[in-house]
Amino acid sequence: MAWMVGAGMLLGLVVITLGVLTLRTGWVPPWTRRHVTRPRLQGVGAVLTGLAVLLPGLAYFGVLPGLSWEVRFFGQLTLMFTGLGCIGMSQLLSPPRGRTGHPAAE
């Protein structure tokens, strides 16, 4: 069971890394580049979603203090849905003023 939790934590770290990279540089991974109109919002969503995947693993290995399962469950749901909402809005909202679109999409 521990290797499955560790694999999930590794996935969470990769998503957080991509989100921080997007926040710092504006770079968007190639598989989403065509659809993203607001890279910073994409980065925030990726960081929140990665945290939602990483934190249960930290609780499993005893790194986080003992919280009730309700707090962990609703906290993870809040992070996940907020992150997914940010990612969705980064693809659905129109580009900011003065920007015609992503160069790779044209």
PDB file of N, CA and C in Angstrom:
ATOM      1  N   MET A   1       0.823  -1.196   0.000  1.00  0.00           N
ATOM      2  CA  MET A   1       0.000   0.000   0.000  1.00  0.00           C
ATOM      3  C   MET A   1       0.865   1.256   0.000  1.00  0.00           C
ATOM      4  N   ALA A   2       2.000   1.208   0.662  1.00  0.00           N
ATOM      5  CA  ALA A   2       2.832   2.401   0.770  1.00  0.00           C
ATOM      6  C   ALA A   2       3.384   2.839  -0.583  1.00  0.00           C
ATOM      7  N   TRP A   3       3.659   1.892  -1.484  1.00  0.00           N
ATOM      8  CA  TRP A   3       4.195   2.291  -2.787  1.00  0.00           C
ATOM      9  C   TRP A   3       3.137   2.997  -3.615  1.00  0.00           C
ATOM     10  N   MET A   4       1.850   2.631  -3.437  1.00  0.00           N
ATOM     11  CA  MET A   4       0.779   3.330  -4.164  1.00  0.00           C
ATOM     12  C   MET A   4       0.637   4.766  -3.656  1.00  0.00           C
ATOM     13  N   VAL A   5       0.716   4.942  -2.369  1.00  0.00           N
ATOM     14  CA  VAL A   5       0.640   6.283  -1.794  1.00  0.00           C
ATOM     15  C   VAL A   5       1.844   7.105  -2.236  1.00  0.00           C
ATOM     16  N   GLY A   6       3.022   6.469  -2.252  1.00  0.00           N
ATOM     17  CA  GLY A   6       4.221   7.160  -2.719  1.00  0.00           C
ATOM     18  C   GLY A   6       4.133   7.559  -4.180  1.00  0.00           C
ATOM     19  N   ALA A   7       3.532   6.706  -5.013  1.00  0.00           N
ATOM     20  CA  ALA A   7       3.367   7.044  -6.429  1.00  0.00           C
ATOM     21  C   ALA A   7       2.417   8.229  -6.592  1.00  0.00           C
ATOM     22  N   GLY A   8       1.364   8.265  -5.791  1.00  0.00           N
ATOM     23  CA  GLY A   8       0.450   9.409  -5.830  1.00  0.00           C
ATOM     24  C   GLY A   8       1.124  10.689  -5.378  1.00  0.00           C
ATOM     25  N   MET A   9       1.975  10.565  -4.364  1.00  0.00           N
ATOM     26  CA  MET A   9       2.705  11.741  -3.896  1.00  0.00           C
ATOM     27  C   MET A   9       3.680  12.240  -4.965  1.00  0.00           C
ATOM     28  N   LEU A  10       4.313  11.324  -5.668  1.00  0.00           N
ATOM     29  CA  LEU A  10       5.218  11.706  -6.751  1.00  0.00           C
ATOM     30  C   LEU A  10       4.452  12.433  -7.858  1.00  0.00           C
ATOM     31  N   LEU A  11       3.275  11.937  -8.199  1.00  0.00           N
ATOM     32  CA  LEU A  11       2.444  12.608  -9.193  1.00  0.00           C
ATOM     33  C   LEU A  11       2.060  14.010  -8.721  1.00  0.00           C
ATOM     34  N   GLY A  12       1.709  14.137  -7.445  1.00  0.00           N
ATOM     35  CA  GLY A  12       1.380  15.448  -6.900  1.00  0.00           C
ATOM     36  C   GLY A  12       2.549  16.413  -6.975  1.00  0.00           C
ATOM     37  N   LEU A  13       3.755  15.916  -6.683  1.00  0.00           N
ATOM     38  CA  LEU A  13       4.952  16.770  -6.770  1.00  0.00           C
ATOM     39  C   LEU A  13       5.227  17.217  -8.205  1.00  0.00           C
ATOM     40  N   VAL A  14       5.001  16.325  -9.169  1.00  0.00           N
ATOM     41  CA  VAL A  14       5.196  16.696 -10.577  1.00  0.00           C
ATOM     42  C   VAL A  14       4.208  17.780 -10.989  1.00  0.00           C
ATOM     43  N   VAL A  15       2.955  17.630 -10.581  1.00  0.00           N
ATOM     44  CA  VAL A  15       1.929  18.632 -10.934  1.00  0.00           C
ATOM     45  C   VAL A  15       2.233  19.970 -10.259  1.00  0.00           C
ATOM     46  N   ILE A  16       2.671  19.943  -9.003  1.00  0.00           N
ATOM     47  CA  ILE A  16       3.035  21.175  -8.308  1.00  0.00           C
ATOM     48  C   ILE A  16       4.220  21.841  -9.002  1.00  0.00           C
ATOM     49  N   THR A  17       5.198  21.056  -9.416  1.00  0.00           N
ATOM     50  CA  THR A  17       6.359  21.602 -10.116  1.00  0.00           C
ATOM     51  C   THR A  17       5.949  22.265 -11.420  1.00  0.00           C
ATOM     52  N   LEU A  18       5.074  21.609 -12.188  1.00  0.00           N
ATOM     53  CA  LEU A  18       4.594  22.224 -13.433  1.00  0.00           C
ATOM     54  C   LEU A  18       3.810  23.505 -13.153  1.00  0.00           C
ATOM     55  N   GLY A  19       3.027  23.516 -12.083  1.00  0.00           N
ATOM     56  CA  GLY A  19       2.273  24.712 -11.725  1.00  0.00           C
ATOM     57  C   GLY A  19       3.171  25.866 -11.332  1.00  0.00           C
ATOM     58  N   VAL A  20       4.198  25.591 -10.537  1.00  0.00           N
ATOM     59  CA  VAL A  20       5.132  26.645 -10.130  1.00  0.00           C
ATOM     60  C   VAL A  20       5.895  27.161 -11.352  1.00  0.00           C
ATOM     61  N   LEU A  21       6.282  26.260 -12.234  1.00  0.00           N
ATOM     62  CA  LEU A  21       6.968  26.664 -13.464  1.00  0.00           C
ATOM     63  C   LEU A  21       6.071  27.561 -14.315  1.00  0.00           C
ATOM     64  N   THR A  22       4.809  27.231 -14.395  1.00  0.00           N
ATOM     65  CA  THR A  22       3.867  28.060 -15.146  1.00  0.00           C
ATOM     66  C   THR A  22       3.678  29.411 -14.476  1.00  0.00           C
ATOM     67  N   LEU A  23       3.601  29.431 -13.155  1.00  0.00           N
ATOM     68  CA  LEU A  23       3.444  30.700 -12.439  1.00  0.00           C
ATOM     69  C   LEU A  23       4.659  31.603 -12.610  1.00  0.00           C
ATOM     70  N   ARG A  24       5.846  31.020 -12.528  1.00  0.00           N
ATOM     71  CA  ARG A  24       7.075  31.827 -12.569  1.00  0.00           C
ATOM     72  C   ARG A  24       7.414  32.317 -13.970  1.00  0.00           C
ATOM     73  N   THR A  25       7.204  31.485 -14.983  1.00  0.00           N
ATOM     74  CA  THR A  25       7.675  31.832 -16.321  1.00  0.00           C
ATOM     75  C   THR A  25       6.562  32.048 -17.336  1.00  0.00           C
ATOM     76  N   GLY A  26       5.362  31.567 -17.049  1.00  0.00           N
ATOM     77  CA  GLY A  26       4.285  31.652 -18.024  1.00  0.00           C
ATOM     78  C   GLY A  26       4.308  30.499 -19.024  1.00  0.00           C
ATOM     79  N   TRP A  27       5.243  29.556 -18.841  1.00  0.00           N
ATOM     80  CA  TRP A  27       5.334  28.406 -19.732  1.00  0.00           C
ATOM     81  C   TRP A  27       4.207  27.436 -19.422  1.00  0.00           C
ATOM     82  N   VAL A  28       3.558  26.946 -20.473  1.00  0.00           N
ATOM     83  CA  VAL A  28       2.467  26.000 -20.324  1.00  0.00           C
ATOM     84  C   VAL A  28       2.886  24.695 -21.000  1.00  0.00           C
ATOM     85  N   PRO A  29       2.607  23.537 -20.385  1.00  0.00           N
ATOM     86  CA  PRO A  29       2.974  22.267 -21.029  1.00  0.00           C
ATOM     87  C   PRO A  29       2.379  22.160 -22.431  1.00  0.00           C
ATOM     88  N   PRO A  30       3.083  21.514 -23.347  1.00  0.00           N
ATOM     89  CA  PRO A  30       2.638  21.469 -24.749  1.00  0.00           C
ATOM     90  C   PRO A  30       1.254  20.865 -24.953  1.00  0.00           C
ATOM     91  N   TRP A  31       0.850  19.908 -24.134  1.00  0.00           N
ATOM     92  CA  TRP A  31      -0.441  19.264 -24.353  1.00  0.00           C
ATOM     93  C   TRP A  31      -1.619  20.149 -23.969  1.00  0.00           C
ATOM     94  N   THR A  32      -1.382  21.267 -23.267  1.00  0.00           N
ATOM     95  CA  THR A  32      -2.477  22.187 -22.941  1.00  0.00           C
ATOM     96  C   THR A  32      -2.265  23.567 -23.543  1.00  0.00           C
ATOM     97  N   ARG A  33      -1.177  23.766 -24.220  1.00  0.00           N
ATOM     98  CA  ARG A  33      -0.803  25.090 -24.708  1.00  0.00           C
ATOM     99  C   ARG A  33      -1.859  25.692 -25.633  1.00  0.00           C
ATOM    100  N   ARG A  34      -2.493  24.878 -26.418  1.00  0.00           N
ATOM    101  CA  ARG A  34      -3.440  25.378 -27.399  1.00  0.00           C
ATOM    102  C   ARG A  34      -4.711  25.940 -26.765  1.00  0.00           C
ATOM    103  N   HIS A  35      -5.075  25.407 -25.630  1.00  0.00           N
ATOM    104  CA  HIS A  35      -6.352  25.768 -25.006  1.00  0.00           C
ATOM    105  C   HIS A  35      -6.240  26.837 -23.931  1.00  0.00           C
ATOM    106  N   VAL A  36      -5.065  27.025 -23.365  1.00  0.00           N
ATOM    107  CA  VAL A  36      -4.903  27.930 -22.222  1.00  0.00           C
ATOM    108  C   VAL A  36      -4.765  29.366 -22.711  1.00  0.00           C
ATOM    109  N   THR A  37      -5.628  30.242 -22.185  1.00  0.00           N
ATOM    110  CA  THR A  37      -5.541  31.667 -22.515  1.00  0.00           C
ATOM    111  C   THR A  37      -4.975  32.478 -21.357  1.00  0.00           C
ATOM    112  N   ARG A  38      -4.998  31.925 -20.153  1.00  0.00           N
ATOM    113  CA  ARG A  38      -4.454  32.609 -18.973  1.00  0.00           C
ATOM    114  C   ARG A  38      -3.516  31.664 -18.228  1.00  0.00           C
ATOM    115  N   PRO A  39      -2.223  31.734 -18.546  1.00  0.00           N
ATOM    116  CA  PRO A  39      -1.275  30.774 -17.961  1.00  0.00           C
ATOM    117  C   PRO A  39      -1.138  30.863 -16.442  1.00  0.00           C
ATOM    118  N   ARG A  40      -1.227  32.043 -15.876  1.00  0.00           N
ATOM    119  CA  ARG A  40      -1.072  32.173 -14.418  1.00  0.00           C
ATOM    120  C   ARG A  40      -2.203  31.454 -13.679  1.00  0.00           C
ATOM    121  N   LEU A  41      -3.399  31.580 -14.206  1.00  0.00           N
ATOM    122  CA  LEU A  41      -4.536  30.884 -13.601  1.00  0.00           C
ATOM    123  C   LEU A  41      -4.370  29.372 -13.740  1.00  0.00           C
ATOM    124  N   GLN A  42      -3.805  28.929 -14.845  1.00  0.00           N
ATOM    125  CA  GLN A  42      -3.484  27.516 -15.033  1.00  0.00           C
ATOM    126  C   GLN A  42      -2.470  27.057 -13.981  1.00  0.00           C
ATOM    127  N   GLY A  43      -1.469  27.883 -13.702  1.00  0.00           N
ATOM    128  CA  GLY A  43      -0.462  27.534 -12.703  1.00  0.00           C
ATOM    129  C   GLY A  43      -1.037  27.427 -11.305  1.00  0.00           C
ATOM    130  N   VAL A  44      -1.906  28.357 -10.944  1.00  0.00           N
ATOM    131  CA  VAL A  44      -2.549  28.305  -9.623  1.00  0.00           C
ATOM    132  C   VAL A  44      -3.388  27.037  -9.502  1.00  0.00           C
ATOM    133  N   GLY A  45      -4.136  26.721 -10.554  1.00  0.00           N
ATOM    134  CA  GLY A  45      -4.947  25.508 -10.536  1.00  0.00           C
ATOM    135  C   GLY A  45      -4.110  24.247 -10.414  1.00  0.00           C
ATOM    136  N   ALA A  46      -2.973  24.223 -11.105  1.00  0.00           N
ATOM    137  CA  ALA A  46      -2.102  23.051 -11.036  1.00  0.00           C
ATOM    138  C   ALA A  46      -1.507  22.894  -9.637  1.00  0.00           C
ATOM    139  N   VAL A  47      -1.116  23.985  -9.015  1.00  0.00           N
ATOM    140  CA  VAL A  47      -0.555  23.904  -7.662  1.00  0.00           C
ATOM    141  C   VAL A  47      -1.612  23.411  -6.671  1.00  0.00           C
ATOM    142  N   LEU A  48      -2.828  23.935  -6.769  1.00  0.00           N
ATOM    143  CA  LEU A  48      -3.885  23.509  -5.849  1.00  0.00           C
ATOM    144  C   LEU A  48      -4.251  22.045  -6.059  1.00  0.00           C
ATOM    145  N   THR A  49      -4.333  21.619  -7.313  1.00  0.00           N
ATOM    146  CA  THR A  49      -4.658  20.227  -7.603  1.00  0.00           C
ATOM    147  C   THR A  49      -3.537  19.305  -7.138  1.00  0.00           C
ATOM    148  N   GLY A  50      -2.293  19.717  -7.347  1.00  0.00           N
ATOM    149  CA  GLY A  50      -1.163  18.914  -6.872  1.00  0.00           C
ATOM    150  C   GLY A  50      -1.140  18.790  -5.354  1.00  0.00           C
ATOM    151  N   LEU A  51      -1.482  19.873  -4.664  1.00  0.00           N
ATOM    152  CA  LEU A  51      -1.555  19.808  -3.198  1.00  0.00           C
ATOM    153  C   LEU A  51      -2.649  18.854  -2.736  1.00  0.00           C
ATOM    154  N   ALA A  52      -3.776  18.846  -3.465  1.00  0.00           N
ATOM    155  CA  ALA A  52      -4.866  17.937  -3.103  1.00  0.00           C
ATOM    156  C   ALA A  52      -4.445  16.482  -3.259  1.00  0.00           C
ATOM    157  N   VAL A  53      -3.510  16.199  -4.163  1.00  0.00           N
ATOM    158  CA  VAL A  53      -3.023  14.833  -4.348  1.00  0.00           C
ATOM    159  C   VAL A  53      -1.900  14.515  -3.352  1.00  0.00           C
ATOM    160  N   LEU A  54      -1.093  15.508  -3.011  1.00  0.00           N
ATOM    161  CA  LEU A  54       0.072  15.290  -2.149  1.00  0.00           C
ATOM    162  C   LEU A  54      -0.281  15.177  -0.662  1.00  0.00           C
ATOM    163  N   LEU A  55      -1.173  16.012  -0.185  1.00  0.00           N
ATOM    164  CA  LEU A  55      -1.450  16.075   1.255  1.00  0.00           C
ATOM    165  C   LEU A  55      -1.980  14.779   1.869  1.00  0.00           C
ATOM    166  N   PRO A  56      -2.863  14.014   1.209  1.00  0.00           N
ATOM    167  CA  PRO A  56      -3.272  12.735   1.823  1.00  0.00           C
ATOM    168  C   PRO A  56      -2.110  11.766   2.007  1.00  0.00           C
ATOM    169  N   GLY A  57      -1.150  11.804   1.096  1.00  0.00           N
ATOM    170  CA  GLY A  57       0.026  10.954   1.254  1.00  0.00           C
ATOM    171  C   GLY A  57       0.859  11.364   2.449  1.00  0.00           C
ATOM    172  N   LEU A  58       0.988  12.667   2.659  1.00  0.00           N
ATOM    173  CA  LEU A  58       1.725  13.143   3.831  1.00  0.00           C
ATOM    174  C   LEU A  58       1.021  12.745   5.119  1.00  0.00           C
ATOM    175  N   ALA A  59      -0.307  12.771   5.108  1.00  0.00           N
ATOM    176  CA  ALA A  59      -1.054  12.342   6.291  1.00  0.00           C
ATOM    177  C   ALA A  59      -0.906  10.842   6.502  1.00  0.00           C
ATOM    178  N   TYR A  60      -0.847  10.081   5.417  1.00  0.00           N
ATOM    179  CA  TYR A  60      -0.699   8.623   5.530  1.00  0.00           C
ATOM    180  C   TYR A  60       0.627   8.252   6.178  1.00  0.00           C
ATOM    181  N   PHE A  61       1.696   8.942   5.806  1.00  0.00           N
ATOM    182  CA  PHE A  61       3.002   8.630   6.363  1.00  0.00           C
ATOM    183  C   PHE A  61       3.264   9.324   7.697  1.00  0.00           C
ATOM    184  N   GLY A  62       2.293  10.065   8.213  1.00  0.00           N
ATOM    185  CA  GLY A  62       2.415  10.664   9.531  1.00  0.00           C
ATOM    186  C   GLY A  62       3.204  11.954   9.580  1.00  0.00           C
ATOM    187  N   VAL A  63       3.397  12.616   8.439  1.00  0.00           N
ATOM    188  CA  VAL A  63       4.139  13.871   8.415  1.00  0.00           C
ATOM    189  C   VAL A  63       3.258  15.016   8.919  1.00  0.00           C
ATOM    190  N   LEU A  64       1.986  14.986   8.571  1.00  0.00           N
ATOM    191  CA  LEU A  64       1.049  16.017   9.017  1.00  0.00           C
ATOM    192  C   LEU A  64       0.492  15.642  10.387  1.00  0.00           C
ATOM    193  N   PRO A  65       0.106  16.642  11.169  1.00  0.00           N
ATOM    194  CA  PRO A  65      -0.497  16.325  12.471  1.00  0.00           C
ATOM    195  C   PRO A  65      -1.830  15.609  12.277  1.00  0.00           C
ATOM    196  N   GLY A  66      -2.219  14.868  13.292  1.00  0.00           N
ATOM    197  CA  GLY A  66      -3.450  14.089  13.212  1.00  0.00           C
ATOM    198  C   GLY A  66      -4.687  14.976  13.202  1.00  0.00           C
ATOM    199  N   LEU A  67      -5.311  15.069  12.062  1.00  0.00           N
ATOM    200  CA  LEU A  67      -6.573  15.785  11.935  1.00  0.00           C
ATOM    201  C   LEU A  67      -7.683  14.757  11.756  1.00  0.00           C
ATOM    202  N   SER A  68      -8.890  15.163  12.050  1.00  0.00           N
ATOM    203  CA  SER A  68      -9.993  14.233  11.854  1.00  0.00           C
ATOM    204  C   SER A  68     -10.166  13.953  10.364  1.00  0.00           C
ATOM    205  N   TRP A  69     -10.788  12.833  10.045  1.00  0.00           N
ATOM    206  CA  TRP A  69     -10.939  12.478   8.641  1.00  0.00           C
ATOM    207  C   TRP A  69     -11.849  13.451   7.915  1.00  0.00           C
ATOM    208  N   GLU A  70     -12.778  14.086   8.642  1.00  0.00           N
ATOM    209  CA  GLU A  70     -13.665  15.050   7.998  1.00  0.00           C
ATOM    210  C   GLU A  70     -12.890  16.279   7.513  1.00  0.00           C
ATOM    211  N   VAL A  71     -11.992  16.762   8.351  1.00  0.00           N
ATOM    212  CA  VAL A  71     -11.197  17.936   7.971  1.00  0.00           C
ATOM    213  C   VAL A  71     -10.318  17.602   6.776  1.00  0.00           C
ATOM    214  N   ARG A  72      -9.683  16.438   6.794  1.00  0.00           N
ATOM    215  CA  ARG A  72      -8.833  16.041   5.661  1.00  0.00           C
ATOM    216  C   ARG A  72      -9.656  15.851   4.400  1.00  0.00           C
ATOM    217  N   PHE A  73     -10.813  15.205   4.517  1.00  0.00           N
ATOM    218  CA  PHE A  73     -11.659  14.930   3.358  1.00  0.00           C
ATOM    219  C   PHE A  73     -12.161  16.219   2.722  1.00  0.00           C
ATOM    220  N   PHE A  74     -12.761  17.095   3.525  1.00  0.00           N
ATOM    221  CA  PHE A  74     -13.314  18.328   2.961  1.00  0.00           C
ATOM    222  C   PHE A  74     -12.218  19.300   2.543  1.00  0.00           C
ATOM    223  N   GLY A  75     -11.078  19.275   3.209  1.00  0.00           N
ATOM    224  CA  GLY A  75      -9.951  20.094   2.767  1.00  0.00           C
ATOM    225  C   GLY A  75      -9.429  19.648   1.415  1.00  0.00           C
ATOM    226  N   GLN A  76      -9.314  18.331   1.235  1.00  0.00           N
ATOM    227  CA  GLN A  76      -8.852  17.809  -0.054  1.00  0.00           C
ATOM    228  C   GLN A  76      -9.865  18.118  -1.149  1.00  0.00           C
ATOM    229  N   LEU A  77     -11.144  17.962  -0.867  1.00  0.00           N
ATOM    230  CA  LEU A  77     -12.163  18.288  -1.872  1.00  0.00           C
ATOM    231  C   LEU A  77     -12.131  19.762  -2.248  1.00  0.00           C
ATOM    232  N   THR A  78     -11.954  20.617  -1.252  1.00  0.00           N
ATOM    233  CA  THR A  78     -11.890  22.042  -1.530  1.00  0.00           C
ATOM    234  C   THR A  78     -10.697  22.379  -2.415  1.00  0.00           C
ATOM    235  N   LEU A  79      -9.529  21.835  -2.093  1.00  0.00           N
ATOM    236  CA  LEU A  79      -8.349  22.081  -2.922  1.00  0.00           C
ATOM    237  C   LEU A  79      -8.537  21.550  -4.335  1.00  0.00           C
ATOM    238  N   MET A  80      -9.073  20.345  -4.463  1.00  0.00           N
ATOM    239  CA  MET A  80      -9.226  19.722  -5.770  1.00  0.00           C
ATOM    240  C   MET A  80     -10.214  20.491  -6.642  1.00  0.00           C
ATOM    241  N   PHE A  81     -11.383  20.805  -6.107  1.00  0.00           N
ATOM    242  CA  PHE A  81     -12.384  21.493  -6.922  1.00  0.00           C
ATOM    243  C   PHE A  81     -11.986  22.927  -7.230  1.00  0.00           C
ATOM    244  N   THR A  82     -11.304  23.596  -6.293  1.00  0.00           N
ATOM    245  CA  THR A  82     -10.825  24.939  -6.580  1.00  0.00           C
ATOM    246  C   THR A  82      -9.757  24.896  -7.666  1.00  0.00           C
ATOM    247  N   GLY A  83      -8.853  23.938  -7.586  1.00  0.00           N
ATOM    248  CA  GLY A  83      -7.819  23.794  -8.609  1.00  0.00           C
ATOM    249  C   GLY A  83      -8.394  23.465  -9.968  1.00  0.00           C
ATOM    250  N   LEU A  84      -9.331  22.529 -10.011  1.00  0.00           N
ATOM    251  CA  LEU A  84      -9.956  22.189 -11.287  1.00  0.00           C
ATOM    252  C   LEU A  84     -10.764  23.355 -11.844  1.00  0.00           C
ATOM    253  N   GLY A  85     -11.395  24.123 -10.967  1.00  0.00           N
ATOM    254  CA  GLY A  85     -12.108  25.320 -11.431  1.00  0.00           C
ATOM    255  C   GLY A  85     -11.173  26.355 -12.029  1.00  0.00           C
ATOM    256  N   CYS A  86     -10.015  26.551 -11.401  1.00  0.00           N
ATOM    257  CA  CYS A  86      -9.022  27.488 -11.950  1.00  0.00           C
ATOM    258  C   CYS A  86      -8.499  27.012 -13.302  1.00  0.00           C
ATOM    259  N   ILE A  87      -8.242  25.719 -13.419  1.00  0.00           N
ATOM    260  CA  ILE A  87      -7.766  25.183 -14.693  1.00  0.00           C
ATOM    261  C   ILE A  87      -8.835  25.353 -15.762  1.00  0.00           C
ATOM    262  N   GLY A  88     -10.081  25.081 -15.418  1.00  0.00           N
ATOM    263  CA  GLY A  88     -11.168  25.268 -16.377  1.00  0.00           C
ATOM    264  C   GLY A  88     -11.335  26.715 -16.798  1.00  0.00           C
ATOM    265  N   MET A  89     -11.254  27.627 -15.834  1.00  0.00           N
ATOM    266  CA  MET A  89     -11.392  29.047 -16.173  1.00  0.00           C
ATOM    267  C   MET A  89     -10.214  29.541 -17.002  1.00  0.00           C
ATOM    268  N   SER A  90      -9.031  28.967 -16.804  1.00  0.00           N
ATOM    269  CA  SER A  90      -7.875  29.397 -17.590  1.00  0.00           C
ATOM    270  C   SER A  90      -8.035  29.024 -19.053  1.00  0.00           C
ATOM    271  N   GLN A  91      -8.898  28.069 -19.345  1.00  0.00           N
ATOM    272  CA  GLN A  91      -9.127  27.667 -20.720  1.00  0.00           C
ATOM    273  C   GLN A  91     -10.376  28.293 -21.314  1.00  0.00           C
ATOM    274  N   LEU A  92     -11.320  28.702 -20.481  1.00  0.00           N
ATOM    275  CA  LEU A  92     -12.587  29.222 -20.994  1.00  0.00           C
ATOM    276  C   LEU A  92     -12.645  30.741 -21.086  1.00  0.00           C
ATOM    277  N   LEU A  93     -11.908  31.437 -20.226  1.00  0.00           N
ATOM    278  CA  LEU A  93     -11.950  32.890 -20.239  1.00  0.00           C
ATOM    279  C   LEU A  93     -11.223  33.427 -21.464  1.00  0.00           C
ATOM    280  N   SER A  94     -11.662  34.581 -21.921  1.00  0.00           N
ATOM    281  CA  SER A  94     -11.000  35.183 -23.080  1.00  0.00           C
ATOM    282  C   SER A  94      -9.628  35.705 -22.668  1.00  0.00           C
ATOM    283  N   PRO A  95      -8.723  35.876 -23.640  1.00  0.00           N
ATOM    284  CA  PRO A  95      -7.387  36.375 -23.307  1.00  0.00           C
ATOM    285  C   PRO A  95      -7.448  37.772 -22.700  1.00  0.00           C
ATOM    286  N   PRO A  96      -6.469  38.124 -21.859  1.00  0.00           N
ATOM    287  CA  PRO A  96      -6.442  39.471 -21.295  1.00  0.00           C
ATOM    288  C   PRO A  96      -6.288  40.524 -22.394  1.00  0.00           C
ATOM    289  N   ARG A  97      -6.612  41.748 -22.073  1.00  0.00           N
ATOM    290  CA  ARG A  97      -6.498  42.837 -23.060  1.00  0.00           C
ATOM    291  C   ARG A  97      -5.068  42.978 -23.559  1.00  0.00           C
ATOM    292  N   GLY A  98      -4.950  43.284 -24.818  1.00  0.00           N
ATOM    293  CA  GLY A  98      -3.641  43.493 -25.398  1.00  0.00           C
ATOM    294  C   GLY A  98      -2.948  42.220 -25.820  1.00  0.00           C
ATOM    295  N   ARG A  99      -3.647  41.113 -25.674  1.00  0.00           N
ATOM    296  CA  ARG A  99      -3.057  39.831 -26.063  1.00  0.00           C
ATOM    297  C   ARG A  99      -3.981  39.159 -27.058  1.00  0.00           C
ATOM    298  N   THR A 100      -3.460  38.752 -28.157  1.00  0.00           N
ATOM    299  CA  THR A 100      -4.307  38.186 -29.211  1.00  0.00           C
ATOM    300  C   THR A 100      -4.446  36.675 -29.112  1.00  0.00           C
ATOM    301  N   GLY A 101      -3.677  36.044 -28.289  1.00  0.00           N
ATOM    302  CA  GLY A 101      -3.730  34.593 -28.156  1.00  0.00           C
ATOM    303  C   GLY A 101      -2.336  34.038 -28.013  1.00  0.00           C
ATOM    304  N   HIS A 102      -2.257  32.792 -27.752  1.00  0.00           N
ATOM    305  CA  HIS A 102      -0.964  32.144 -27.594  1.00  0.00           C
ATOM    306  C   HIS A 102      -0.353  31.917 -28.964  1.00  0.00           C
ATOM    307  N   PRO A 103       0.945  32.213 -29.148  1.00  0.00           N
ATOM    308  CA  PRO A 103       1.564  32.049 -30.458  1.00  0.00           C
ATOM    309  C   PRO A 103       1.492  30.616 -30.996  1.00  0.00           C
ATOM    310  N   ALA A 104       1.492  29.631 -30.113  1.00  0.00           N
ATOM    311  CA  ALA A 104       1.446  28.253 -30.577  1.00  0.00           C
ATOM    312  C   ALA A 104       0.059  27.867 -31.088  1.00  0.00           C
ATOM    313  N   ALA A 105      -0.961  28.605 -30.672  1.00  0.00           N
ATOM    314  CA  ALA A 105      -2.318  28.277 -31.097  1.00  0.00           C
ATOM    315  C   ALA A 105      -2.622  28.829 -32.478  1.00  0.00           C
ATOM    316  N   GLU A 106      -1.830  29.742 -32.949  1.00  0.00           N
ATOM    317  CA  GLU A 106      -2.111  30.345 -34.256  1.00  0.00           C
ATOM    318  C   GLU A 106      -1.436  29.615 -35.381  1.00  0.00           C
TER     319      GLU A 106
END
